Protein backbone atom coordinates (compact mmCIF):
# COMPACT_ATOMS: atom_id res chain seq x y z
CA MET A 1 -28.52 -10.80 -21.34
CA ASP A 2 -25.48 -9.21 -23.01
CA ILE A 3 -22.94 -9.20 -20.19
CA ILE A 4 -22.49 -10.16 -16.52
CA VAL A 5 -20.48 -8.01 -14.07
CA VAL A 6 -19.21 -9.71 -10.90
CA PRO A 7 -17.36 -8.35 -7.82
CA THR A 8 -15.86 -11.53 -6.33
CA THR A 9 -14.17 -14.76 -7.33
CA GLY A 10 -17.10 -16.77 -5.98
CA ALA A 11 -19.51 -14.78 -8.14
CA ALA A 12 -17.25 -15.26 -11.16
CA LEU A 13 -17.20 -19.02 -10.59
CA ALA A 14 -20.98 -19.14 -10.24
CA ALA A 15 -21.51 -17.03 -13.35
CA GLN A 16 -19.07 -19.12 -15.38
CA LYS A 17 -20.76 -22.29 -14.22
CA ALA A 18 -24.06 -20.90 -15.49
CA THR A 19 -22.73 -19.82 -18.89
CA ARG A 20 -19.63 -20.19 -21.03
CA THR A 21 -20.92 -17.90 -23.75
CA ILE A 22 -22.15 -14.69 -22.10
CA PRO A 23 -19.18 -12.37 -21.39
CA ILE A 24 -18.31 -11.91 -17.71
CA VAL A 25 -16.41 -8.87 -16.40
CA SER A 26 -14.78 -8.91 -12.95
CA THR A 27 -14.47 -5.70 -10.93
CA THR A 28 -12.40 -6.78 -7.91
CA ALA A 29 -12.31 -10.61 -7.81
CA GLY A 30 -9.31 -11.68 -5.78
CA ALA A 31 -8.24 -15.06 -7.17
CA LEU A 32 -9.26 -15.52 -10.80
CA VAL A 33 -6.15 -17.45 -11.80
CA GLU A 34 -5.95 -19.51 -8.58
CA ALA A 35 -9.63 -20.49 -8.96
CA GLY A 36 -9.16 -21.50 -12.58
CA VAL A 37 -11.61 -18.87 -13.82
CA VAL A 38 -9.00 -17.57 -16.26
CA ALA A 39 -5.99 -19.39 -17.70
CA SER A 40 -3.65 -16.47 -17.02
CA LEU A 41 -3.80 -12.70 -16.63
CA ALA A 42 -2.22 -12.08 -20.03
CA ARG A 43 -4.33 -14.67 -21.86
CA PRO A 44 -7.53 -15.27 -19.90
CA GLY A 45 -9.22 -17.50 -22.48
CA GLY A 46 -12.88 -18.36 -21.99
CA ASN A 47 -15.53 -15.75 -21.30
CA VAL A 48 -14.12 -13.93 -18.24
CA THR A 49 -11.92 -10.84 -18.10
CA GLY A 50 -11.70 -7.57 -16.17
CA LEU A 51 -9.78 -6.76 -13.00
CA THR A 52 -8.35 -8.96 -10.27
CA ASN A 53 -6.44 -8.27 -7.07
CA SER A 54 -3.95 -10.36 -5.15
CA GLN A 55 -5.33 -11.00 -1.68
CA VAL A 56 -1.98 -12.59 -0.86
CA ASP A 57 -0.14 -9.30 -1.39
CA LEU A 58 -2.90 -7.24 0.23
CA SER A 59 -2.86 -9.48 3.28
CA ALA A 60 0.90 -9.11 3.64
CA LYS A 61 0.60 -5.34 3.39
CA ARG A 62 -2.10 -5.32 6.07
CA LEU A 63 0.25 -7.09 8.46
CA GLU A 64 2.91 -4.48 7.77
CA LEU A 65 0.43 -1.68 8.49
CA ILE A 66 -0.82 -3.13 11.78
CA LYS A 67 2.78 -3.69 12.92
CA GLU A 68 3.58 -0.08 12.02
CA THR A 69 0.57 1.02 14.07
CA VAL A 70 1.36 -1.19 17.07
CA PRO A 71 5.20 -1.40 17.10
CA MET A 72 5.38 -3.68 20.16
CA LEU A 73 2.95 -6.15 18.57
CA SER A 74 4.03 -9.81 18.80
CA ARG A 75 0.86 -11.91 18.30
CA VAL A 76 -1.92 -11.47 15.76
CA ALA A 77 -5.24 -13.32 15.53
CA ALA A 78 -6.17 -14.23 11.94
CA LEU A 79 -9.94 -14.61 11.59
CA SER A 80 -11.00 -17.18 8.99
CA SER A 81 -14.47 -18.35 7.97
CA PRO A 82 -15.53 -21.80 6.72
CA PHE A 83 -16.56 -20.36 3.36
CA ILE A 84 -13.07 -20.86 1.95
CA PRO A 85 -12.06 -18.92 -1.16
CA PRO A 86 -9.77 -20.80 -3.58
CA ALA A 87 -6.60 -19.02 -2.49
CA LEU A 88 -7.18 -19.11 1.28
CA GLY A 89 -4.41 -21.62 1.94
CA GLU A 90 -1.92 -19.59 -0.04
CA ILE A 91 -3.05 -16.38 1.64
CA PHE A 92 -2.55 -17.79 5.12
CA VAL A 93 0.83 -19.31 4.31
CA ARG A 94 2.03 -16.02 2.85
CA GLN A 95 0.65 -14.17 5.87
CA THR A 96 2.66 -16.48 8.09
CA GLU A 97 5.83 -15.86 6.08
CA THR A 98 5.29 -12.11 6.27
CA ALA A 99 4.54 -12.36 9.99
CA ARG A 100 7.89 -14.05 10.60
CA THR A 101 9.79 -11.27 8.86
CA LEU A 102 7.94 -8.76 11.04
CA GLY A 103 8.59 -10.70 14.23
CA LEU A 104 4.94 -11.66 14.60
CA ARG A 105 3.23 -14.89 15.61
CA LEU A 106 0.07 -15.46 13.58
CA ASP A 107 -2.69 -17.61 15.13
CA LEU A 108 -5.67 -18.85 13.11
CA TYR A 109 -9.19 -18.59 14.56
CA ARG A 110 -11.86 -20.29 12.48
CA VAL A 111 -15.41 -18.96 12.69
CA GLU A 112 -17.85 -21.67 11.63
CA ARG A 113 -21.05 -19.64 12.22
CA SER A 114 -21.96 -16.06 12.99
CA ASP A 115 -22.72 -17.15 16.56
CA ASP A 116 -19.04 -18.10 16.91
CA LEU A 117 -17.73 -14.58 16.29
CA ALA A 118 -17.85 -13.48 19.92
CA GLY A 119 -16.11 -16.69 21.00
CA ALA A 120 -13.30 -16.13 18.53
CA PHE A 121 -12.59 -12.68 19.96
CA GLN A 122 -12.79 -13.98 23.52
CA ALA A 123 -10.33 -16.76 22.66
CA GLY A 124 -8.01 -14.19 21.12
CA ILE A 125 -8.04 -12.10 24.28
CA ARG A 126 -7.35 -15.17 26.43
CA ALA A 127 -4.38 -15.98 24.18
CA ARG A 128 -3.09 -12.42 24.63
CA GLU A 129 -3.35 -11.54 20.96
CA GLY A 130 -2.28 -7.95 20.39
CA ALA A 131 -4.26 -7.35 17.19
CA ALA A 132 -6.43 -9.11 14.62
CA ILE A 133 -6.51 -9.43 10.85
CA VAL A 134 -9.48 -10.61 8.81
CA ILE A 135 -8.70 -13.11 6.05
CA ALA A 136 -10.66 -11.79 3.06
CA ASN A 137 -14.00 -13.56 2.72
CA PRO A 138 -17.59 -12.41 1.96
CA PHE A 139 -18.71 -14.05 5.22
CA PHE A 140 -17.13 -11.26 7.25
CA GLY A 141 -18.62 -8.62 4.98
CA VAL A 142 -22.10 -9.94 5.73
CA HIS A 143 -21.36 -9.61 9.45
CA ALA A 144 -19.23 -6.46 9.14
CA THR A 145 -21.03 -4.42 11.80
CA ARG A 146 -20.83 -7.20 14.35
CA VAL A 147 -17.15 -7.90 13.65
CA GLY A 148 -16.25 -4.21 14.01
CA LYS A 149 -18.20 -3.83 17.23
CA LEU A 150 -16.71 -6.99 18.75
CA ALA A 151 -13.19 -5.85 17.93
CA LEU A 152 -13.85 -2.53 19.67
CA GLN A 153 -15.60 -4.18 22.60
CA HIS A 154 -12.62 -6.48 23.17
CA LYS A 155 -10.15 -3.62 22.59
CA LEU A 156 -8.41 -5.52 19.82
CA PRO A 157 -6.88 -3.42 17.01
CA LEU A 158 -8.25 -4.96 13.83
CA ILE A 159 -7.18 -4.48 10.21
CA THR A 160 -9.45 -5.51 7.37
CA GLY A 161 -10.25 -5.24 3.70
CA ASP A 162 -13.94 -4.60 4.37
CA PRO A 163 -15.00 -0.94 4.78
CA GLY A 164 -18.06 -1.85 6.84
CA ILE A 165 -15.89 -3.44 9.53
CA VAL A 166 -13.70 -0.37 10.03
CA GLU A 167 -16.74 1.91 10.06
CA ALA A 168 -18.25 -0.21 12.84
CA GLY A 169 -15.17 -0.21 15.07
CA GLY A 170 -12.28 -1.85 13.26
CA LEU A 171 -9.08 0.18 13.31
CA ILE A 172 -7.71 0.10 9.75
CA TYR A 173 -9.06 -0.64 6.30
CA TYR A 174 -6.65 -1.30 3.45
CA SER A 175 -7.72 -2.58 0.07
CA VAL A 176 -8.12 -1.86 -3.62
CA GLY A 177 -9.62 1.53 -4.47
CA GLN A 178 -13.19 0.51 -5.18
CA ALA A 179 -14.24 3.58 -7.17
CA ASP A 180 -11.22 3.30 -9.46
CA ALA A 181 -11.75 -0.44 -9.92
CA TRP A 182 -15.37 0.05 -10.96
CA ARG A 183 -14.41 2.83 -13.37
CA ARG A 184 -11.75 0.66 -14.97
CA SER A 185 -14.07 -2.34 -15.19
CA ALA A 186 -16.56 -0.11 -17.02
CA THR A 187 -14.02 0.22 -19.85
CA TYR A 188 -14.07 -3.57 -20.18
CA VAL A 189 -17.84 -3.57 -20.36
CA ASP A 190 -17.68 -0.92 -23.06
CA ARG A 191 -15.12 -2.84 -25.13
CA VAL A 192 -17.02 -6.12 -24.84
CA LEU A 193 -20.31 -4.50 -25.82
CA LYS A 194 -18.51 -3.09 -28.86
CA GLY A 195 -17.46 -6.56 -29.96
CA ALA A 196 -14.21 -7.42 -28.17
CA LYS A 197 -13.87 -11.00 -26.93
CA PRO A 198 -13.11 -11.49 -23.21
CA SER A 199 -10.55 -14.15 -24.13
CA ASP A 200 -8.54 -11.48 -25.98
CA LEU A 201 -8.60 -8.87 -23.19
CA PRO A 202 -5.78 -9.26 -20.61
CA VAL A 203 -6.91 -9.16 -16.99
CA GLU A 204 -5.62 -6.07 -15.18
CA GLN A 205 -4.33 -5.72 -11.65
CA PRO A 206 -5.21 -2.69 -9.50
CA THR A 207 -2.90 0.29 -9.25
CA LYS A 208 -4.78 2.36 -6.66
CA PHE A 209 -5.32 1.35 -3.05
CA GLU A 210 -7.22 2.95 -0.16
CA LEU A 211 -6.16 3.35 3.45
CA VAL A 212 -8.79 4.30 6.03
CA ILE A 213 -8.08 4.81 9.73
CA ASN A 214 -10.76 4.95 12.40
CA MET A 215 -9.44 7.53 14.85
CA LYS A 216 -12.43 7.06 17.15
CA THR A 217 -11.34 3.46 17.58
CA ALA A 218 -7.69 4.46 18.02
CA LYS A 219 -8.64 6.83 20.84
CA ALA A 220 -10.86 4.21 22.47
CA LEU A 221 -7.95 1.74 22.38
CA GLY A 222 -5.46 4.31 23.64
CA LEU A 223 -3.37 4.04 20.47
CA THR A 224 -1.34 6.83 18.92
CA ILE A 225 -1.38 6.50 15.15
CA PRO A 226 2.02 7.35 13.65
CA PRO A 227 1.86 10.73 11.84
CA THR A 228 3.46 9.17 8.76
CA LEU A 229 0.59 6.69 8.57
CA LEU A 230 -2.02 9.40 8.99
CA LEU A 231 -0.48 11.35 6.13
CA ARG A 232 -0.85 8.32 3.87
CA ALA A 233 -4.51 7.78 4.79
CA ASP A 234 -7.15 8.44 2.16
CA GLN A 235 -9.77 8.86 4.87
CA VAL A 236 -9.70 9.37 8.63
CA ILE A 237 -12.86 8.58 10.58
CA GLU A 238 -13.14 11.11 13.40
């Protein structure tokens, strides 16, 4: 094996645990520094390089977008799974700080198993949550269809970083542009295969982001999406 390409921080950790010699290239891992996979973005050291994104910043931006979509919003349910990524604590704290500046109360709902998903949404409705945000975690990607359908069923505007969730009934998707990230990571693969050492290649942060709005969900929820937000969307699901 000449090289390993990984999409997440968890995969990077697993790959690095398996080998410290085979080069590893990240495409969209969200917490390489926080997890200790690389020493720093400028000087990664070790055998891992590529691209990383800040889930802290993405999460804050998602709160801004859902508040823009639902101006009278005051309470937001934050869905968290037990499969905790290294930066989860920091992500939630930063979300809370951002929520305060937006005049939002952020409530954490932990989902221990897939069977608990429905209960989390029901609890959110009982607590009069006005919207929901998914804290980035592969667990929710595995259950994307169910999460999206439950959000729609409970008429809860949901913003996420998983495209499968918004396709299934979530309201808004906002995250790193996947196609651009994979293209840029391919340049790392090329350089490593030509002899460059991962330790010498600075880790890059994304520059392109994607915004997707599910208008079918908006109509079902009786929401009017601001025209300025629609103009910024990369894709509108009709």
